[in-house]
Every structure is written in structure tokens, then in C-alpha cells.
Amino acid sequence: MSAAHTPPLFHRHVAQSVSTNSELIAALQAGELDCTQRHLLTADTQSGGRGQHGRSWQSPKGNVYLSLYHPLSVPLSGILSLIIGSKLAAMPIIQTLNDARADNAPAIGVKWANDLGFYQDIADTATGLHYFQKLAGILIEPVWYARKLVGIVIGVGVNVQTTPQLTTRTAEGMSYHAISVQDIINDLPAPIAAPALPDLYTQLSNALTQAVAQFIALSGDDTDATEHAILREFAAADVLRGKMLRISESGQLADGTITGRADGIDAHGCLRLILADGEVISLFTGRIDVIDPHANKDAHALA
């Protein structure tokens, strides 16, 4: 989709929303907003923010809570999530932070399929896990009008000035810690200015629009070239590649857990995993834990 054919963007900001995704979808389905145009809804806080798989999203003031609606006439697939993650990782603010961090600091990138952050270098002594430092999360939802798919709403939450305080309950069993842009800036060798929220709204909406355009291009004549570009861009930002993973709660693995080394993604957006015996499998879904390879070097499957 060229810039000339990109629908105009209408932005509305509110002090509080129950959920920017839910509010935007409801307005579109009620016919209050034009489904042929792009719409951006941002909020200072959310009282019922949502993450993936029905999880909650804490929404203290000072952070980004943004939902972009984009019309879409091609079928949805999981590859869109990967494209979005790659585009967000390439935003100026992420590149600025990576350039300013110490040379030995792990790069901020994409955790399959689309969370933004990085993994801590040292494993937790109690669990043996390398915890993901989560900076941003993404929630993609289809929009139906008169029983027809008319577009998608992409919700993005970015911890900017405030780090959500996670408890055992609010972490929801996932092996991650919350981190903010300000936390990262505080640890830089040389200080830089924190970004203003309006500037981040612009960076995010531009990145999301580019992602949808690239996804639409997959259905065009240049599919192979576009597909290769997507895989290359994701690989450049992939924070899992080469790490030892434990995958569980996957429909493909029934009730089992499997361990292997991450080897990027395939053309369908599935996570490639190299098992201890050299077999390579692809996984469509599953909970990911990054584990200490020395403690699990001989394991590849657990019941």
C-alpha cells in the first residue's frame, strides 16, 4: 500500500478508557466511525486493559495506551503479528535506546511473536530462568461489520515513564518482569531525553501502518520478495534466536513440555526449535521460558 493510497488517520485522545481496543471496536461496529478510514485512539490510562490470551494489562499513567484501526480486505494470518513486532523494534526510540546502551547490554528486540523487550543475561538462581524484560505488548483483533471482515484493531501498550508493579497474580504465571523506557534511560552510560508521548504516538502509528502495508503486499505479485524481507527483518530483531527454550501449554504438544534451541521462524510465522537429537520442529503457539542451557543440555522432551 503506497502512501498515496493510505487512508487518512483520525486521532482521538481520552483521559481514561476501559480498553482502547474495546472502545474503538465498539465504535466501528456501531457505525459511529467510518470503517474505510484509519482511526487512532489513545488514552492516559485504562481501567480494564487487555493483553493476549485474555490476560490483563496494567495501565498506570505516564505510558502509551494506543489502538489503531486499519481497513483490511485480505485474510488475516499469524504472519501479521511478526511483521508488527519487527516494525515496532525498528522505531526510532528503540534504535536510539539500543545505540545508547552499553556494548555488552542485550539488545531490545522482539520476543516471538510480538512482545518488545530483552532477556536478562543472568538466570534467576531460584528458577533457573532468564526473565524477559517486557517493554511493550501488542494485541491484534479483527473487526467485523455486517458479518464482513472490514479491518483490524492493533493495540499497543508501552511502558514509558511508569513500570507496572507485578505480583504473582498480575504476572499471571509468565516468566517476565516489566521494564519502562525510563528504567532503560536511567541505566544508560550517558543520559538522553525521555520521549514525549505524542512523539511515540506518531512513531507507533507510522510503524503499524507500514506493517499492515507489508502484510497486504504478501497477497500481491511480489509475494516471495516480501516474504523474504519479513523473515530477514524479524531475524534482525529476534531476541530468542540461539537461546535454550522450554515450550509448554501448546496445542501441538498436548500436555507435554519440550526443550530445544530457538532457530528463528519459518515462512508461516511458526517458531523453529532444534531438539537435542538435531530434529527441527515448528511450533504455532506455546508458553516460552528461556532456561539455563547448562542445567538442561541433555533434555529435549519432558512429559
Protein backbone atom coordinates (compact mmCIF):
# COMPACT_ATOMS: atom_id res chain seq x y z
CA MET A 1 0.00 0.00 0.00
CA SER A 2 1.61 3.27 -1.13
CA ALA A 3 1.40 6.50 0.82
CA ALA A 4 -0.99 7.84 -1.84
CA HIS A 5 -3.46 5.03 -1.12
CA THR A 6 -3.15 5.04 2.67
CA PRO A 7 -6.43 6.20 4.23
CA PRO A 8 -6.24 9.37 6.33
CA LEU A 9 -5.74 8.97 10.07
CA PHE A 10 -8.21 10.37 12.60
CA HIS A 11 -6.79 10.62 16.13
CA ARG A 12 -8.80 10.94 19.33
CA HIS A 13 -7.27 11.10 22.81
CA VAL A 14 -9.14 10.45 26.07
CA ALA A 15 -8.10 10.75 29.69
CA GLN A 16 -9.36 7.26 30.51
CA SER A 17 -10.67 4.26 28.62
CA VAL A 18 -11.79 0.88 29.86
CA SER A 19 -9.77 -0.54 26.95
CA THR A 20 -8.73 1.40 23.85
CA ASN A 21 -9.14 -1.74 21.73
CA SER A 22 -12.62 -2.48 23.05
CA GLU A 23 -13.74 1.14 22.77
CA LEU A 24 -12.50 1.51 19.20
CA ILE A 25 -14.03 -1.80 18.05
CA ALA A 26 -17.39 -0.91 19.63
CA ALA A 27 -17.48 2.48 17.85
CA LEU A 28 -16.67 0.88 14.49
CA GLN A 29 -19.26 -1.88 14.86
CA ALA A 30 -21.90 0.64 15.94
CA GLY A 31 -21.29 2.62 12.75
CA GLU A 32 -20.03 5.65 14.67
CA LEU A 33 -16.72 5.58 12.78
CA ASP A 34 -16.04 5.10 9.07
CA CYS A 35 -14.62 1.58 8.52
CA THR A 36 -12.84 2.72 5.34
CA GLN A 37 -10.61 5.17 7.23
CA ARG A 38 -7.81 4.72 9.77
CA HIS A 39 -8.61 5.65 13.37
CA LEU A 40 -6.24 6.12 16.29
CA LEU A 41 -7.42 6.09 19.90
CA THR A 42 -5.01 6.90 22.73
CA ALA A 43 -5.61 7.18 26.47
CA ASP A 44 -3.77 8.38 29.56
CA THR A 45 -4.95 5.30 31.49
CA GLN A 46 -7.12 2.20 31.09
CA SER A 47 -9.31 0.66 33.76
CA GLY A 48 -9.58 -2.73 32.05
CA GLY A 49 -6.62 -3.03 29.70
CA ARG A 50 -6.30 -6.36 27.90
CA GLY A 51 -3.32 -8.38 26.70
CA GLN A 52 -3.02 -11.56 24.68
CA HIS A 53 -4.98 -14.72 25.55
CA GLY A 54 -7.32 -12.81 27.86
CA ARG A 55 -4.56 -11.59 30.16
CA SER A 56 -4.79 -8.22 31.88
CA TRP A 57 -2.66 -5.17 31.03
CA GLN A 58 -1.88 -2.81 33.88
CA SER A 59 -2.24 0.78 32.79
CA PRO A 60 -0.67 3.34 35.17
CA LYS A 61 -0.47 6.94 33.99
CA GLY A 62 2.61 8.02 32.05
CA ASN A 63 2.66 5.22 29.49
CA VAL A 64 1.35 4.63 25.97
CA TYR A 65 -2.08 3.02 25.55
CA LEU A 66 -2.87 3.13 21.85
CA SER A 67 -5.16 1.36 19.40
CA LEU A 68 -5.02 1.79 15.64
CA TYR A 69 -7.82 0.66 13.34
CA HIS A 70 -6.78 -0.07 9.76
CA PRO A 71 -9.14 -1.25 6.99
CA LEU A 72 -8.14 -4.64 5.61
CA SER A 73 -9.57 -6.68 2.74
CA VAL A 74 -7.19 -9.66 2.74
CA PRO A 75 -7.47 -12.71 5.05
CA LEU A 76 -5.71 -12.47 8.39
CA SER A 77 -2.81 -14.76 9.31
CA GLY A 78 -0.31 -15.07 12.14
CA ILE A 79 2.43 -13.53 10.00
CA LEU A 80 0.93 -10.07 10.63
CA SER A 81 1.87 -10.32 14.29
CA LEU A 82 5.52 -10.94 13.37
CA ILE A 83 5.59 -8.03 10.94
CA ILE A 84 4.19 -5.70 13.58
CA GLY A 85 6.80 -6.80 16.11
CA SER A 86 9.61 -6.21 13.61
CA LYS A 87 8.35 -2.75 12.65
CA LEU A 88 7.99 -1.68 16.28
CA ALA A 89 11.52 -2.88 17.03
CA ALA A 90 12.75 -0.67 14.18
CA MET A 91 11.12 2.50 15.58
CA PRO A 92 13.48 5.45 16.21
CA ILE A 93 13.02 5.29 20.01
CA ILE A 94 14.06 1.62 20.14
CA GLN A 95 17.03 2.21 17.86
CA THR A 96 18.08 5.23 19.94
CA LEU A 97 17.96 3.21 23.15
CA ASN A 98 19.92 0.32 21.63
CA ASP A 99 22.58 2.67 20.27
CA ALA A 100 22.92 4.41 23.65
CA ARG A 101 23.16 1.26 25.77
CA ALA A 102 26.45 -0.30 26.85
CA ASP A 103 28.12 -2.52 24.26
CA ASN A 104 27.53 -5.66 26.32
CA ALA A 105 23.85 -4.92 27.04
CA PRO A 106 21.33 -7.25 25.38
CA ALA A 107 19.54 -5.54 22.51
CA ILE A 108 15.89 -4.58 22.78
CA GLY A 109 14.00 -6.59 20.18
CA VAL A 110 11.07 -8.92 19.52
CA LYS A 111 10.13 -11.96 21.55
CA TRP A 112 8.11 -14.27 19.31
CA ALA A 113 5.55 -13.42 18.32
CA ASN A 114 5.49 -9.69 19.04
CA ASP A 115 6.38 -8.59 22.60
CA LEU A 116 9.13 -5.96 22.80
CA GLY A 117 11.94 -6.14 25.34
CA PHE A 118 15.07 -8.15 26.10
CA TYR A 119 16.23 -11.10 28.20
CA GLN A 120 18.36 -10.65 31.29
CA ASP A 121 21.83 -12.15 30.90
CA ILE A 122 21.94 -13.98 34.22
CA ALA A 123 19.48 -16.74 35.11
CA ASP A 124 17.42 -16.45 38.27
CA THR A 125 19.06 -18.67 40.90
CA ALA A 126 15.72 -19.92 42.26
CA THR A 127 14.08 -20.85 38.95
CA GLY A 128 16.97 -21.26 36.51
CA LEU A 129 15.09 -18.97 34.09
CA HIS A 130 16.29 -15.95 32.15
CA TYR A 131 13.46 -13.47 32.68
CA PHE A 132 12.11 -11.39 29.82
CA GLN A 133 12.22 -7.66 30.50
CA LYS A 134 8.94 -6.63 28.86
CA LEU A 135 8.76 -3.11 27.48
CA ALA A 136 5.70 -3.35 25.22
CA GLY A 137 2.90 -5.71 24.28
CA ILE A 138 0.63 -5.97 21.25
CA LEU A 139 -2.96 -7.18 20.85
CA ILE A 140 -4.42 -7.68 17.34
CA GLU A 141 -8.17 -8.10 16.88
CA PRO A 142 -10.35 -8.39 13.74
CA VAL A 143 -13.24 -6.00 13.20
CA TRP A 144 -16.47 -7.30 11.70
CA TYR A 145 -19.28 -5.14 10.31
CA ALA A 146 -22.46 -6.60 8.81
CA ARG A 147 -20.87 -10.06 9.10
CA LYS A 148 -17.91 -8.99 6.94
CA LEU A 149 -14.27 -8.52 7.96
CA VAL A 150 -13.61 -4.84 7.37
CA GLY A 151 -10.30 -4.32 9.18
CA ILE A 152 -8.19 -4.84 12.26
CA VAL A 153 -7.54 -3.03 15.51
CA ILE A 154 -3.95 -3.20 16.76
CA GLY A 155 -3.50 -2.32 20.40
CA VAL A 156 -0.07 -1.39 21.76
CA GLY A 157 0.91 -0.76 25.35
CA VAL A 158 4.37 0.70 26.01
CA ASN A 159 5.82 1.25 29.48
CA VAL A 160 7.33 4.71 29.11
CA GLN A 161 7.51 6.64 32.40
CA THR A 162 5.94 4.13 34.78
CA THR A 163 6.85 0.48 35.37
CA PRO A 164 3.83 -1.68 36.30
CA GLN A 165 4.35 -3.36 39.67
CA LEU A 166 3.78 -7.05 39.02
CA THR A 167 2.74 -9.51 41.69
CA THR A 168 2.46 -13.28 41.42
CA ARG A 169 -1.15 -12.77 40.38
CA THR A 170 -0.63 -9.95 37.89
CA ALA A 171 2.38 -11.67 36.29
CA GLU A 172 -0.10 -14.48 35.54
CA GLY A 173 2.50 -17.22 35.74
CA MET A 174 4.64 -15.83 32.93
CA SER A 175 8.43 -15.60 33.25
CA TYR A 176 8.81 -11.87 32.69
CA HIS A 177 9.45 -8.64 34.53
CA ALA A 178 8.09 -5.25 33.50
CA ILE A 179 10.52 -2.52 32.46
CA SER A 180 9.99 1.02 31.18
CA VAL A 181 11.74 3.35 28.77
CA GLN A 182 12.67 5.50 31.77
CA ASP A 183 14.22 2.48 33.54
CA ILE A 184 16.40 1.86 30.49
CA ILE A 185 17.36 5.54 30.23
CA ASN A 186 18.35 5.55 33.91
CA ASP A 187 20.85 2.74 33.22
CA LEU A 188 22.46 4.35 30.17
CA PRO A 189 26.18 5.26 30.31
CA ALA A 190 25.24 8.77 29.13
CA PRO A 191 21.80 10.33 29.71
CA ILE A 192 19.34 11.02 26.90
CA ALA A 193 15.97 12.79 26.96
CA ALA A 194 12.88 10.72 27.55
CA PRO A 195 10.50 10.75 24.55
CA ALA A 196 7.25 12.70 24.71
CA LEU A 197 4.07 10.61 24.43
CA PRO A 198 2.77 12.47 21.32
CA ASP A 199 6.03 11.66 19.52
CA LEU A 200 5.61 8.00 20.43
CA TYR A 201 2.03 8.05 19.14
CA THR A 202 3.39 9.19 15.78
CA GLN A 203 6.20 6.61 15.72
CA LEU A 204 3.80 3.81 16.63
CA SER A 205 1.07 4.73 14.16
CA ASN A 206 3.65 5.02 11.35
CA ALA A 207 5.17 1.63 12.23
CA LEU A 208 1.77 -0.07 12.42
CA THR A 209 0.68 1.40 9.09
CA GLN A 210 3.90 0.18 7.47
CA ALA A 211 3.31 -3.27 8.95
CA VAL A 212 -0.20 -3.53 7.51
CA ALA A 213 1.05 -2.35 4.11
CA GLN A 214 3.74 -5.04 4.11
CA PHE A 215 1.20 -7.67 5.13
CA ILE A 216 -1.13 -6.63 2.30
CA ALA A 217 1.81 -6.89 -0.12
CA LEU A 218 2.03 -10.61 0.71
CA SER A 219 -1.15 -11.13 -1.29
CA GLY A 220 0.26 -9.28 -4.31
CA ASP A 221 2.53 -10.28 -7.17
CA ASP A 222 5.80 -9.87 -5.25
CA THR A 223 5.00 -12.42 -2.53
CA ASP A 224 8.38 -14.18 -2.46
CA ALA A 225 10.39 -10.96 -2.15
CA THR A 226 8.06 -9.62 0.53
CA GLU A 227 8.19 -12.90 2.44
CA HIS A 228 11.99 -12.91 2.44
CA ALA A 229 12.03 -9.30 3.63
CA ILE A 230 9.70 -10.17 6.51
CA LEU A 231 11.86 -13.10 7.63
CA ARG A 232 15.03 -11.01 7.35
CA GLU A 233 13.56 -8.11 9.36
CA PHE A 234 12.29 -10.41 12.09
CA ALA A 235 15.64 -12.22 12.32
CA ALA A 236 17.41 -8.88 12.88
CA ALA A 237 15.24 -8.18 15.95
CA ASP A 238 14.74 -11.74 17.26
CA VAL A 239 15.73 -11.90 20.96
CA LEU A 240 15.05 -15.65 21.20
CA ARG A 241 17.32 -16.93 18.44
CA GLY A 242 20.02 -19.26 19.75
CA LYS A 243 18.58 -19.44 23.25
CA MET A 244 17.58 -22.68 25.00
CA LEU A 245 13.81 -22.74 25.37
CA ARG A 246 11.23 -24.73 27.25
CA ILE A 247 7.87 -24.68 25.46
CA SER A 248 4.68 -25.72 27.22
CA GLU A 249 0.91 -25.31 27.01
CA SER A 250 0.92 -25.78 23.24
CA GLY A 251 -1.91 -27.49 21.45
CA GLN A 252 0.61 -29.22 19.25
CA LEU A 253 2.28 -30.84 22.24
CA ALA A 254 -0.86 -31.94 24.10
CA ASP A 255 0.03 -31.84 27.81
CA GLY A 256 3.76 -32.18 27.28
CA THR A 257 6.70 -29.83 27.51
CA ILE A 258 9.53 -29.76 25.02
CA THR A 259 13.01 -28.24 25.19
CA GLY A 260 15.25 -27.13 22.35
CA ARG A 261 17.27 -24.28 20.89
CA ALA A 262 15.44 -21.45 19.09
CA ASP A 263 16.24 -21.19 15.39
CA GLY A 264 14.18 -18.26 14.18
CA ILE A 265 10.84 -18.55 12.41
CA ASP A 266 9.60 -20.24 9.25
CA ALA A 267 7.63 -18.75 6.35
CA HIS A 268 4.36 -19.37 8.19
CA GLY A 269 5.46 -17.43 11.25
CA CYS A 270 5.98 -20.56 13.36
CA LEU A 271 8.83 -20.78 15.87
CA ARG A 272 11.57 -23.20 14.76
CA LEU A 273 13.06 -25.32 17.54
CA ILE A 274 16.13 -27.56 17.25
CA LEU A 275 15.86 -30.57 19.58
CA ALA A 276 18.83 -32.30 21.21
CA ASP A 277 18.84 -35.04 18.54
CA GLY A 278 19.01 -32.46 15.73
CA GLU A 279 15.37 -32.71 14.69
CA VAL A 280 13.82 -29.35 13.78
CA ILE A 281 10.18 -28.75 14.61
CA SER A 282 7.90 -25.73 14.11
CA LEU A 283 5.51 -24.51 16.79
CA PHE A 284 2.47 -22.33 16.19
CA THR A 285 1.82 -21.46 19.83
CA GLY A 286 3.01 -22.15 23.37
CA ARG A 287 4.35 -20.59 26.52
CA ILE A 288 8.06 -19.82 26.30
CA ASP A 289 10.63 -19.97 29.09
CA VAL A 290 14.31 -19.26 28.42
CA ILE A 291 16.27 -21.70 30.54
CA ASP A 292 19.85 -22.24 31.67
CA PRO A 293 21.38 -24.42 28.90
CA HIS A 294 23.90 -25.99 31.28
CA ALA A 295 21.16 -27.35 33.51
CA ASN A 296 19.17 -28.70 30.57
CA LYS A 297 21.75 -29.62 27.97
CA ASP A 298 20.68 -33.27 27.79
CA ALA A 299 16.92 -32.73 27.91
CA HIS A 300 14.72 -32.42 24.85
CA ALA A 301 11.31 -33.65 25.92
CA LEU A 302 9.53 -33.86 29.21
CA ALA A 303 6.16 -35.46 29.90
